[in-house]
Amino acid sequence: MARKKGRKNKKFSLLGILCRVAVFCLCGYCVVTLISQQLTIYEKKKEINEINTQIIIEKQNVDDFNRLLSLTDEKSFMEKIAIERLGYAYPNEKRYFDISKY
């Protein structure tokens, strides 16, 4: 009978070691998964910030277009478009351009 108890203890100790290894592997997997998720969250927040800046720029463009459309005088509207978009100028007019925008 003494041998049977020894075998059971060995089986239980082997089972205990296997359970510990399994728990350790599971904890390691959880840590790796958490780190991966944190990196993904950081990248997505970065993308959100970029998109928000694009939204601000586009809202400014929309405001500019709305301002142009709200001009009641068609002549001033056409003049504004000709100067800003097409690069026209009055005779003998000196035009200065900010080249840092281009």
C-alpha atoms as a PDB file:
ATOM      1  CA  MET A   1       0.000   0.000   0.000  1.00  0.00           C
ATOM      2  CA  ALA A   2       2.857   2.353   0.598  1.00  0.00           C
ATOM      3  CA  ARG A   3       3.673   2.257  -3.090  1.00  0.00           C
ATOM      4  CA  LYS A   4       0.159   3.214  -4.135  1.00  0.00           C
ATOM      5  CA  LYS A   5       0.255   6.349  -2.016  1.00  0.00           C
ATOM      6  CA  GLY A   6       3.580   7.280  -3.576  1.00  0.00           C
ATOM      7  CA  ARG A   7       2.151   6.927  -7.064  1.00  0.00           C
ATOM      8  CA  LYS A   8      -0.854   9.047  -6.201  1.00  0.00           C
ATOM      9  CA  ASN A   9       1.404  11.750  -4.790  1.00  0.00           C
ATOM     10  CA  LYS A  10       3.489  11.681  -7.955  1.00  0.00           C
ATOM     11  CA  LYS A  11       0.359  11.925 -10.095  1.00  0.00           C
ATOM     12  CA  PHE A  12      -0.958  14.799  -8.009  1.00  0.00           C
ATOM     13  CA  SER A  13       2.380  16.569  -8.056  1.00  0.00           C
ATOM     14  CA  LEU A  14       2.614  16.118 -11.833  1.00  0.00           C
ATOM     15  CA  LEU A  15      -0.954  17.376 -12.182  1.00  0.00           C
ATOM     16  CA  GLY A  16      -0.148  20.332  -9.929  1.00  0.00           C
ATOM     17  CA  ILE A  17       2.897  21.222 -12.022  1.00  0.00           C
ATOM     18  CA  LEU A  18       0.872  20.992 -15.232  1.00  0.00           C
ATOM     19  CA  CYS A  19      -1.823  23.238 -13.746  1.00  0.00           C
ATOM     20  CA  ARG A  20       0.783  25.779 -12.661  1.00  0.00           C
ATOM     21  CA  VAL A  21       2.364  25.772 -16.118  1.00  0.00           C
ATOM     22  CA  ALA A  22      -1.063  26.203 -17.711  1.00  0.00           C
ATOM     23  CA  VAL A  23      -1.929  29.108 -15.394  1.00  0.00           C
ATOM     24  CA  PHE A  24       1.475  30.703 -16.073  1.00  0.00           C
ATOM     25  CA  CYS A  25       0.950  30.382 -19.843  1.00  0.00           C
ATOM     26  CA  LEU A  26      -2.538  31.836 -19.535  1.00  0.00           C
ATOM     27  CA  CYS A  27      -1.224  34.812 -17.535  1.00  0.00           C
ATOM     28  CA  GLY A  28       1.525  35.348 -20.099  1.00  0.00           C
ATOM     29  CA  TYR A  29      -1.029  35.289 -22.900  1.00  0.00           C
ATOM     30  CA  CYS A  30      -3.192  37.822 -21.046  1.00  0.00           C
ATOM     31  CA  VAL A  31      -0.235  40.172 -20.560  1.00  0.00           C
ATOM     32  CA  VAL A  32       0.761  39.967 -24.230  1.00  0.00           C
ATOM     33  CA  THR A  33      -2.850  40.546 -25.291  1.00  0.00           C
ATOM     34  CA  LEU A  34      -3.185  43.590 -23.012  1.00  0.00           C
ATOM     35  CA  ILE A  35       0.016  45.135 -24.366  1.00  0.00           C
ATOM     36  CA  SER A  36      -1.161  44.515 -27.922  1.00  0.00           C
ATOM     37  CA  GLN A  37      -4.519  46.132 -27.181  1.00  0.00           C
ATOM     38  CA  GLN A  38      -2.843  49.171 -25.604  1.00  0.00           C
ATOM     39  CA  LEU A  39      -0.735  49.648 -28.741  1.00  0.00           C
ATOM     40  CA  THR A  40      -3.846  49.382 -30.910  1.00  0.00           C
ATOM     41  CA  ILE A  41      -5.671  51.924 -28.732  1.00  0.00           C
ATOM     42  CA  TYR A  42      -2.724  54.332 -28.995  1.00  0.00           C
ATOM     43  CA  GLU A  43      -2.687  54.041 -32.799  1.00  0.00           C
ATOM     44  CA  LYS A  44      -6.436  54.584 -33.041  1.00  0.00           C
ATOM     45  CA  LYS A  45      -6.274  57.668 -30.806  1.00  0.00           C
ATOM     46  CA  LYS A  46      -3.548  59.023 -33.058  1.00  0.00           C
ATOM     47  CA  GLU A  47      -5.758  58.421 -36.117  1.00  0.00           C
ATOM     48  CA  ILE A  48      -8.678  60.147 -34.385  1.00  0.00           C
ATOM     49  CA  ASN A  49      -6.527  63.221 -33.713  1.00  0.00           C
ATOM     50  CA  GLU A  50      -5.453  63.343 -37.370  1.00  0.00           C
ATOM     51  CA  ILE A  51      -9.040  63.023 -38.541  1.00  0.00           C
ATOM     52  CA  ASN A  52     -10.159  65.753 -36.130  1.00  0.00           C
ATOM     53  CA  THR A  53      -7.553  68.139 -37.559  1.00  0.00           C
ATOM     54  CA  GLN A  54      -8.787  67.299 -41.061  1.00  0.00           C
ATOM     55  CA  ILE A  55     -12.346  68.006 -39.915  1.00  0.00           C
ATOM     56  CA  ILE A  56     -11.302  71.416 -38.596  1.00  0.00           C
ATOM     57  CA  ILE A  57      -9.580  72.263 -41.888  1.00  0.00           C
ATOM     58  CA  GLU A  58     -12.596  71.167 -43.921  1.00  0.00           C
ATOM     59  CA  LYS A  59     -14.959  73.157 -41.704  1.00  0.00           C
ATOM     60  CA  GLN A  60     -12.841  76.238 -42.386  1.00  0.00           C
ATOM     61  CA  ASN A  61     -13.091  75.522 -46.113  1.00  0.00           C
ATOM     62  CA  VAL A  62     -16.856  75.150 -45.849  1.00  0.00           C
ATOM     63  CA  ASP A  63     -17.071  78.443 -43.956  1.00  0.00           C
ATOM     64  CA  ASP A  64     -15.044  80.136 -46.700  1.00  0.00           C
ATOM     65  CA  PHE A  65     -17.343  78.748 -49.378  1.00  0.00           C
ATOM     66  CA  ASN A  66     -20.430  79.769 -47.443  1.00  0.00           C
ATOM     67  CA  ARG A  67     -19.008  83.263 -47.066  1.00  0.00           C
ATOM     68  CA  LEU A  68     -18.441  83.435 -50.822  1.00  0.00           C
ATOM     69  CA  LEU A  69     -21.936  82.169 -51.512  1.00  0.00           C
ATOM     70  CA  SER A  70     -23.480  84.638 -49.123  1.00  0.00           C
ATOM     71  CA  LEU A  71     -22.168  87.605 -51.093  1.00  0.00           C
ATOM     72  CA  THR A  72     -25.261  89.207 -52.528  1.00  0.00           C
ATOM     73  CA  ASP A  73     -23.433  91.158 -55.194  1.00  0.00           C
ATOM     74  CA  GLU A  74     -22.577  88.891 -58.114  1.00  0.00           C
ATOM     75  CA  LYS A  75     -19.898  91.262 -59.349  1.00  0.00           C
ATOM     76  CA  SER A  76     -17.989  91.167 -56.070  1.00  0.00           C
ATOM     77  CA  PHE A  77     -18.341  87.382 -56.023  1.00  0.00           C
ATOM     78  CA  MET A  78     -16.891  87.032 -59.514  1.00  0.00           C
ATOM     79  CA  GLU A  79     -14.133  89.497 -58.696  1.00  0.00           C
ATOM     80  CA  LYS A  80     -13.209  87.564 -55.579  1.00  0.00           C
ATOM     81  CA  ILE A  81     -13.075  84.261 -57.478  1.00  0.00           C
ATOM     82  CA  ALA A  82     -11.030  85.790 -60.298  1.00  0.00           C
ATOM     83  CA  ILE A  83      -8.468  87.200 -57.885  1.00  0.00           C
ATOM     84  CA  GLU A  84      -8.218  84.265 -55.460  1.00  0.00           C
ATOM     85  CA  ARG A  85      -8.648  81.250 -57.720  1.00  0.00           C
ATOM     86  CA  LEU A  86      -7.665  82.331 -61.205  1.00  0.00           C
ATOM     87  CA  GLY A  87      -4.880  84.721 -60.272  1.00  0.00           C
ATOM     88  CA  TYR A  88      -6.267  87.727 -62.139  1.00  0.00           C
ATOM     89  CA  ALA A  89      -5.281  91.239 -61.139  1.00  0.00           C
ATOM     90  CA  TYR A  90      -6.150  94.824 -62.005  1.00  0.00           C
ATOM     91  CA  PRO A  91      -3.904  96.667 -64.467  1.00  0.00           C
ATOM     92  CA  ASN A  92      -0.805  98.142 -62.776  1.00  0.00           C
ATOM     93  CA  GLU A  93      -1.594  96.234 -59.584  1.00  0.00           C
ATOM     94  CA  LYS A  94       1.320  94.735 -57.667  1.00  0.00           C
ATOM     95  CA  ARG A  95       0.511  91.351 -56.186  1.00  0.00           C
ATOM     96  CA  TYR A  96       2.464  89.750 -53.382  1.00  0.00           C
ATOM     97  CA  PHE A  97       2.150  86.076 -52.613  1.00  0.00           C
ATOM     98  CA  ASP A  98       3.008  84.155 -49.490  1.00  0.00           C
ATOM     99  CA  ILE A  99       5.125  81.308 -50.881  1.00  0.00           C
ATOM    100  CA  SER A 100       5.158  79.446 -47.581  1.00  0.00           C
ATOM    101  CA  LYS A 101       1.634  78.199 -48.356  1.00  0.00           C
ATOM    102  CA  TYR A 102       2.733  76.549 -51.595  1.00  0.00           C
END
